[in-house]
C-alpha atoms as a PDB file:
ATOM      1  CA  UNK A   1       3.558  -1.291  30.110  1.00  0.00           C
ATOM      2  CA  UNK A   2       4.621   2.149  28.972  1.00  0.00           C
ATOM      3  CA  UNK A   3       5.394   2.397  25.248  1.00  0.00           C
ATOM      4  CA  UNK A   4       8.396   4.600  24.466  1.00  0.00           C
ATOM      5  CA  UNK A   5       7.619   6.605  27.608  1.00  0.00           C
ATOM      6  CA  UNK A   6       4.338   7.618  25.902  1.00  0.00           C
ATOM      7  CA  UNK A   7       6.278  10.249  24.010  1.00  0.00           C
ATOM      8  CA  UNK A   8       4.431  11.174  20.756  1.00  0.00           C
ATOM      9  CA  UNK A   9       7.626  12.103  18.943  1.00  0.00           C
ATOM     10  CA  UNK A  10       9.268   8.766  19.772  1.00  0.00           C
ATOM     11  CA  UNK A  11       6.089   6.912  18.796  1.00  0.00           C
ATOM     12  CA  UNK A  12       6.057   8.700  15.432  1.00  0.00           C
ATOM     13  CA  UNK A  13       9.709   7.828  14.854  1.00  0.00           C
ATOM     14  CA  UNK A  14       8.959   4.186  15.675  1.00  0.00           C
ATOM     15  CA  UNK A  15       6.026   4.155  13.231  1.00  0.00           C
ATOM     16  CA  UNK A  16       8.345   5.299  10.443  1.00  0.00           C
ATOM     17  CA  UNK A  17      10.887   2.633  11.388  1.00  0.00           C
ATOM     18  CA  UNK A  18       8.186  -0.060  11.236  1.00  0.00           C
ATOM     19  CA  UNK A  19       7.007   1.108   7.798  1.00  0.00           C
ATOM     20  CA  UNK A  20      10.585   1.010   6.499  1.00  0.00           C
ATOM     21  CA  UNK A  21      10.869  -2.552   7.837  1.00  0.00           C
ATOM     22  CA  UNK A  22       7.576  -3.397   6.149  1.00  0.00           C
ATOM     23  CA  UNK A  23       9.125  -2.534   2.790  1.00  0.00           C
ATOM     24  CA  UNK A  24      12.412  -4.387   3.340  1.00  0.00           C
ATOM     25  CA  UNK A  25      11.231  -7.515   5.178  1.00  0.00           C
ATOM     26  CA  UNK A  26       8.712  -9.701   3.333  1.00  0.00           C
ATOM     27  CA  UNK A  27       7.908 -11.568   6.551  1.00  0.00           C
ATOM     28  CA  UNK A  28       7.103  -8.401   8.492  1.00  0.00           C
ATOM     29  CA  UNK A  29       3.358  -7.919   9.205  1.00  0.00           C
ATOM     30  CA  UNK A  30       3.496  -4.400   7.773  1.00  0.00           C
ATOM     31  CA  UNK A  31       4.595  -5.753   4.372  1.00  0.00           C
ATOM     32  CA  UNK A  32       0.980  -6.536   3.425  1.00  0.00           C
ATOM     33  CA  UNK A  33      -1.451  -3.914   4.759  1.00  0.00           C
ATOM     34  CA  UNK A  34      -5.152  -3.546   3.968  1.00  0.00           C
ATOM     35  CA  UNK A  35      -5.899  -0.768   1.476  1.00  0.00           C
ATOM     36  CA  UNK A  36      -9.414   0.690   1.219  1.00  0.00           C
ATOM     37  CA  UNK A  37     -10.922   2.836  -1.504  1.00  0.00           C
ATOM     38  CA  UNK A  38     -14.545   3.691  -2.300  1.00  0.00           C
ATOM     39  CA  UNK A  39     -16.461   2.830  -5.450  1.00  0.00           C
ATOM     40  CA  UNK A  40     -18.779   5.188  -7.295  1.00  0.00           C
ATOM     41  CA  UNK A  41     -21.614   4.180  -4.935  1.00  0.00           C
ATOM     42  CA  UNK A  42     -19.426   5.183  -1.962  1.00  0.00           C
ATOM     43  CA  UNK A  43     -19.188   1.570  -0.829  1.00  0.00           C
ATOM     44  CA  UNK A  44     -15.802   0.791   0.781  1.00  0.00           C
ATOM     45  CA  UNK A  45     -13.733  -1.803  -1.032  1.00  0.00           C
ATOM     46  CA  UNK A  46     -10.768  -3.334   0.822  1.00  0.00           C
ATOM     47  CA  UNK A  47      -7.937  -5.594  -0.259  1.00  0.00           C
ATOM     48  CA  UNK A  48      -4.426  -6.640   0.751  1.00  0.00           C
ATOM     49  CA  UNK A  49      -1.612  -4.846  -1.073  1.00  0.00           C
ATOM     50  CA  UNK A  50       2.168  -5.223  -0.941  1.00  0.00           C
ATOM     51  CA  UNK A  51       4.072  -2.292   0.529  1.00  0.00           C
ATOM     52  CA  UNK A  52       6.683  -1.384  -2.094  1.00  0.00           C
ATOM     53  CA  UNK A  53       8.135   1.877  -0.818  1.00  0.00           C
ATOM     54  CA  UNK A  54       7.900   4.276   2.111  1.00  0.00           C
ATOM     55  CA  UNK A  55       9.319   7.774   1.867  1.00  0.00           C
ATOM     56  CA  UNK A  56       9.950   8.663   5.515  1.00  0.00           C
ATOM     57  CA  UNK A  57      10.766  12.287   4.659  1.00  0.00           C
ATOM     58  CA  UNK A  58       7.735  13.159   2.528  1.00  0.00           C
ATOM     59  CA  UNK A  59       5.556  10.526   4.235  1.00  0.00           C
ATOM     60  CA  UNK A  60       4.422   8.689   1.112  1.00  0.00           C
ATOM     61  CA  UNK A  61       3.409   5.014   0.896  1.00  0.00           C
ATOM     62  CA  UNK A  62       3.608   3.228  -2.470  1.00  0.00           C
ATOM     63  CA  UNK A  63       2.254  -0.018  -3.846  1.00  0.00           C
ATOM     64  CA  UNK A  64       1.950  -1.374  -7.392  1.00  0.00           C
ATOM     65  CA  UNK A  65      -1.131  -2.506  -9.306  1.00  0.00           C
ATOM     66  CA  UNK A  66      -2.512  -3.187 -12.780  1.00  0.00           C
ATOM     67  CA  UNK A  67      -4.004  -0.078 -14.403  1.00  0.00           C
ATOM     68  CA  UNK A  68      -7.001  -2.200 -15.456  1.00  0.00           C
ATOM     69  CA  UNK A  69      -7.828  -3.038 -11.833  1.00  0.00           C
ATOM     70  CA  UNK A  70     -11.164  -1.697 -10.474  1.00  0.00           C
ATOM     71  CA  UNK A  71      -9.295   0.105  -7.704  1.00  0.00           C
ATOM     72  CA  UNK A  72      -7.924   2.541 -10.291  1.00  0.00           C
ATOM     73  CA  UNK A  73     -11.399   3.770 -11.231  1.00  0.00           C
ATOM     74  CA  UNK A  74     -12.294   3.955  -7.548  1.00  0.00           C
ATOM     75  CA  UNK A  75      -9.282   6.164  -6.832  1.00  0.00           C
ATOM     76  CA  UNK A  76     -10.020   8.324  -9.870  1.00  0.00           C
ATOM     77  CA  UNK A  77     -13.521   8.815  -8.500  1.00  0.00           C
ATOM     78  CA  UNK A  78     -12.414   9.499  -4.931  1.00  0.00           C
ATOM     79  CA  UNK A  79      -8.734   9.745  -4.000  1.00  0.00           C
ATOM     80  CA  UNK A  80      -9.358   9.719  -0.235  1.00  0.00           C
ATOM     81  CA  UNK A  81      -8.085   6.309   0.831  1.00  0.00           C
ATOM     82  CA  UNK A  82      -7.015   4.373   3.910  1.00  0.00           C
ATOM     83  CA  UNK A  83      -4.467   1.773   5.016  1.00  0.00           C
ATOM     84  CA  UNK A  84      -4.648  -0.516   8.039  1.00  0.00           C
ATOM     85  CA  UNK A  85      -1.495  -2.194   9.390  1.00  0.00           C
ATOM     86  CA  UNK A  86      -1.329  -4.572  12.349  1.00  0.00           C
ATOM     87  CA  UNK A  87       1.568  -6.280  14.094  1.00  0.00           C
ATOM     88  CA  UNK A  88       0.242  -9.049  16.406  1.00  0.00           C
ATOM     89  CA  UNK A  89       3.528  -9.383  18.290  1.00  0.00           C
ATOM     90  CA  UNK A  90       3.915  -5.685  19.035  1.00  0.00           C
ATOM     91  CA  UNK A  91       0.130  -5.317  19.374  1.00  0.00           C
ATOM     92  CA  UNK A  92       0.271  -2.136  17.315  1.00  0.00           C
ATOM     93  CA  UNK A  93      -2.364  -1.093  14.797  1.00  0.00           C
ATOM     94  CA  UNK A  94      -1.971   1.805  12.380  1.00  0.00           C
ATOM     95  CA  UNK A  95      -4.909   3.368  10.560  1.00  0.00           C
ATOM     96  CA  UNK A  96      -3.463   5.733   7.966  1.00  0.00           C
ATOM     97  CA  UNK A  97      -5.617   8.154   5.966  1.00  0.00           C
ATOM     98  CA  UNK A  98      -4.092   9.089   2.609  1.00  0.00           C
ATOM     99  CA  UNK A  99      -4.567  11.104  -0.563  1.00  0.00           C
ATOM    100  CA  UNK A 100      -3.787   8.881  -3.525  1.00  0.00           C
ATOM    101  CA  UNK A 101      -2.147   9.631  -6.869  1.00  0.00           C
ATOM    102  CA  UNK A 102      -2.021   7.224  -9.811  1.00  0.00           C
ATOM    103  CA  UNK A 103       1.230   6.943 -11.801  1.00  0.00           C
ATOM    104  CA  UNK A 104       0.936   5.169 -15.146  1.00  0.00           C
ATOM    105  CA  UNK A 105       3.227   5.414 -18.179  1.00  0.00           C
ATOM    106  CA  UNK A 106       5.165   8.332 -16.694  1.00  0.00           C
ATOM    107  CA  UNK A 107       8.660   8.997 -15.360  1.00  0.00           C
ATOM    108  CA  UNK A 108       7.803   7.469 -11.975  1.00  0.00           C
ATOM    109  CA  UNK A 109       6.724   4.168 -13.500  1.00  0.00           C
ATOM    110  CA  UNK A 110       9.594   4.122 -16.012  1.00  0.00           C
ATOM    111  CA  UNK A 111      12.142   4.354 -13.207  1.00  0.00           C
ATOM    112  CA  UNK A 112      10.570   1.605 -11.098  1.00  0.00           C
ATOM    113  CA  UNK A 113       9.745  -0.639 -14.075  1.00  0.00           C
ATOM    114  CA  UNK A 114      13.408  -0.657 -15.053  1.00  0.00           C
ATOM    115  CA  UNK A 115      14.213  -2.262 -11.670  1.00  0.00           C
ATOM    116  CA  UNK A 116      11.296  -4.728 -11.746  1.00  0.00           C
ATOM    117  CA  UNK A 117      12.173  -8.413 -12.118  1.00  0.00           C
ATOM    118  CA  UNK A 118      10.848 -10.501 -15.003  1.00  0.00           C
ATOM    119  CA  UNK A 119       8.826 -12.625 -12.584  1.00  0.00           C
ATOM    120  CA  UNK A 120       7.077  -9.501 -11.282  1.00  0.00           C
ATOM    121  CA  UNK A 121       6.602  -8.045 -14.780  1.00  0.00           C
ATOM    122  CA  UNK A 122       4.814 -11.253 -15.729  1.00  0.00           C
ATOM    123  CA  UNK A 123       1.837 -10.233 -13.560  1.00  0.00           C
ATOM    124  CA  UNK A 124       1.076  -7.360 -15.923  1.00  0.00           C
ATOM    125  CA  UNK A 125       0.889  -9.565 -19.027  1.00  0.00           C
ATOM    126  CA  UNK A 126      -2.506 -11.051 -18.159  1.00  0.00           C
ATOM    127  CA  UNK A 127      -4.770 -11.046 -21.203  1.00  0.00           C
ATOM    128  CA  UNK A 128      -7.946 -10.133 -19.319  1.00  0.00           C
ATOM    129  CA  UNK A 129      -8.192  -7.298 -16.760  1.00  0.00           C
ATOM    130  CA  UNK A 130      -8.257  -8.073 -13.011  1.00  0.00           C
ATOM    131  CA  UNK A 131     -11.777  -8.848 -11.726  1.00  0.00           C
ATOM    132  CA  UNK A 132     -12.986  -9.988 -15.157  1.00  0.00           C
ATOM    133  CA  UNK A 133     -15.626 -12.733 -15.071  1.00  0.00           C
ATOM    134  CA  UNK A 134     -14.410 -16.227 -15.940  1.00  0.00           C
ATOM    135  CA  UNK A 135     -16.215 -19.522 -16.581  1.00  0.00           C
ATOM    136  CA  UNK A 136     -13.550 -21.419 -14.620  1.00  0.00           C
ATOM    137  CA  UNK A 137     -10.553 -20.692 -12.325  1.00  0.00           C
ATOM    138  CA  UNK A 138      -7.640 -19.222 -14.259  1.00  0.00           C
ATOM    139  CA  UNK A 139      -5.100 -16.409 -14.100  1.00  0.00           C
ATOM    140  CA  UNK A 140      -5.415 -15.196 -17.729  1.00  0.00           C
ATOM    141  CA  UNK A 141      -1.683 -15.370 -18.425  1.00  0.00           C
ATOM    142  CA  UNK A 142      -0.680 -16.436 -21.939  1.00  0.00           C
ATOM    143  CA  UNK A 143      -0.411 -20.229 -22.140  1.00  0.00           C
ATOM    144  CA  UNK A 144       3.277 -20.173 -23.082  1.00  0.00           C
ATOM    145  CA  UNK A 145       4.093 -18.329 -19.833  1.00  0.00           C
ATOM    146  CA  UNK A 146       2.656 -20.986 -17.526  1.00  0.00           C
ATOM    147  CA  UNK A 147       5.433 -21.760 -15.057  1.00  0.00           C
ATOM    148  CA  UNK A 148       8.080 -19.650 -16.815  1.00  0.00           C
ATOM    149  CA  UNK A 149       9.099 -16.004 -16.869  1.00  0.00           C
ATOM    150  CA  UNK A 150       8.840 -13.917 -20.019  1.00  0.00           C
ATOM    151  CA  UNK A 151      11.914 -12.736 -21.848  1.00  0.00           C
ATOM    152  CA  UNK A 152      12.747  -9.072 -21.345  1.00  0.00           C
ATOM    153  CA  UNK A 153      11.363  -7.989 -24.721  1.00  0.00           C
ATOM    154  CA  UNK A 154       8.032  -9.694 -24.113  1.00  0.00           C
ATOM    155  CA  UNK A 155       7.867  -8.355 -20.555  1.00  0.00           C
ATOM    156  CA  UNK A 156       7.888  -4.797 -21.908  1.00  0.00           C
ATOM    157  CA  UNK A 157       4.321  -5.342 -23.115  1.00  0.00           C
ATOM    158  CA  UNK A 158       3.250  -5.201 -19.482  1.00  0.00           C
ATOM    159  CA  UNK A 159       4.552  -1.669 -18.949  1.00  0.00           C
ATOM    160  CA  UNK A 160       1.303  -0.038 -20.079  1.00  0.00           C
ATOM    161  CA  UNK A 161      -0.533  -1.866 -17.291  1.00  0.00           C
ATOM    162  CA  UNK A 162       2.098  -1.287 -14.600  1.00  0.00           C
ATOM    163  CA  UNK A 163       0.958   1.372 -12.146  1.00  0.00           C
ATOM    164  CA  UNK A 164       2.567   2.912  -9.076  1.00  0.00           C
ATOM    165  CA  UNK A 165      -0.045   4.003  -6.556  1.00  0.00           C
ATOM    166  CA  UNK A 166       1.370   6.857  -4.491  1.00  0.00           C
ATOM    167  CA  UNK A 167      -0.323   7.650  -1.173  1.00  0.00           C
ATOM    168  CA  UNK A 168       0.422  10.863   0.714  1.00  0.00           C
ATOM    169  CA  UNK A 169      -0.236  10.458   4.421  1.00  0.00           C
ATOM    170  CA  UNK A 170      -2.753  12.873   6.001  1.00  0.00           C
ATOM    171  CA  UNK A 171      -3.279  11.303   9.406  1.00  0.00           C
ATOM    172  CA  UNK A 172      -2.060   8.302  11.374  1.00  0.00           C
ATOM    173  CA  UNK A 173      -3.986   6.721  14.209  1.00  0.00           C
ATOM    174  CA  UNK A 174      -1.645   4.604  16.319  1.00  0.00           C
ATOM    175  CA  UNK A 175      -3.257   2.073  18.663  1.00  0.00           C
ATOM    176  CA  UNK A 176      -1.241   0.095  21.195  1.00  0.00           C
ATOM    177  CA  UNK A 177      -3.064  -2.789  22.882  1.00  0.00           C
ATOM    178  CA  UNK A 178      -1.989  -3.771  26.400  1.00  0.00           C
ATOM    179  CA  UNK A 179      -3.674  -5.483  29.336  1.00  0.00           C
ATOM    180  CA  UNK A 180      -2.378  -2.701  31.577  1.00  0.00           C
ATOM    181  CA  UNK A 181      -4.144  -0.082  29.456  1.00  0.00           C
ATOM    182  CA  UNK A 182      -4.499   0.640  25.744  1.00  0.00           C
ATOM    183  CA  UNK A 183      -3.054   3.809  24.235  1.00  0.00           C
ATOM    184  CA  UNK A 184      -4.219   5.673  21.120  1.00  0.00           C
ATOM    185  CA  UNK A 185      -2.510   8.591  19.407  1.00  0.00           C
ATOM    186  CA  UNK A 186      -3.605  10.613  16.384  1.00  0.00           C
ATOM    187  CA  UNK A 187      -0.864  12.173  14.267  1.00  0.00           C
ATOM    188  CA  UNK A 188      -1.909  14.933  11.884  1.00  0.00           C
ATOM    189  CA  UNK A 189       0.265  15.863   8.912  1.00  0.00           C
ATOM    190  CA  UNK A 190      -0.470  19.135   7.152  1.00  0.00           C
ATOM    191  CA  UNK A 191       2.059  20.770   4.839  1.00  0.00           C
ATOM    192  CA  UNK A 192       4.833  18.828   6.600  1.00  0.00           C
ATOM    193  CA  UNK A 193       3.710  20.173   9.980  1.00  0.00           C
ATOM    194  CA  UNK A 194       3.136  17.413  12.526  1.00  0.00           C
ATOM    195  CA  UNK A 195       0.707  17.651  15.441  1.00  0.00           C
ATOM    196  CA  UNK A 196      -0.313  15.056  18.018  1.00  0.00           C
ATOM    197  CA  UNK A 197      -3.529  14.346  19.901  1.00  0.00           C
ATOM    198  CA  UNK A 198      -4.115  11.591  22.445  1.00  0.00           C
ATOM    199  CA  UNK A 199      -7.421   9.757  21.971  1.00  0.00           C
ATOM    200  CA  UNK A 200      -9.369   7.440  24.240  1.00  0.00           C
ATOM    201  CA  UNK A 201      -8.830   3.901  22.840  1.00  0.00           C
END
């Protein structure tokens, strides 16, 4: 099977369309990619994140996290990061190398926080930081918020923890799996200049 006539430009356009869908459609496989950063010992640390925004002009991927999360310190130590997306129906994998910027208590977070629902704001009201040790299973939310959303005034306490993680794309490796022959394309982005290189899968 030939994918988009094996035209790099059309493949790149399709990648952007899929990332836009990943933001809009919660059931789309690209909605929850794997994000990898490295800790201070240069050991990779991967986790699932929720794709919150994709800027298809400036090629920036965003997700949200708690500023107290260990991934923040990892990014501060080394802002070279990576995403992996996979769609089992299309048999397309994307490995995206990024440079990451942390937005906390700034104009970027203020704008997005204003549009954030109370149920989502609730996540940032946890008493203990993410990855804290616990003697038993719990989520660390205040007891009075179990099963209910906070009021707007109380939710504002979570703003200091709310963080927008902004990831500028450097390279994309597109892999298409097919019984008739796999295809692999590397897309390089440098100062908004795009170049393509076919790779052996």
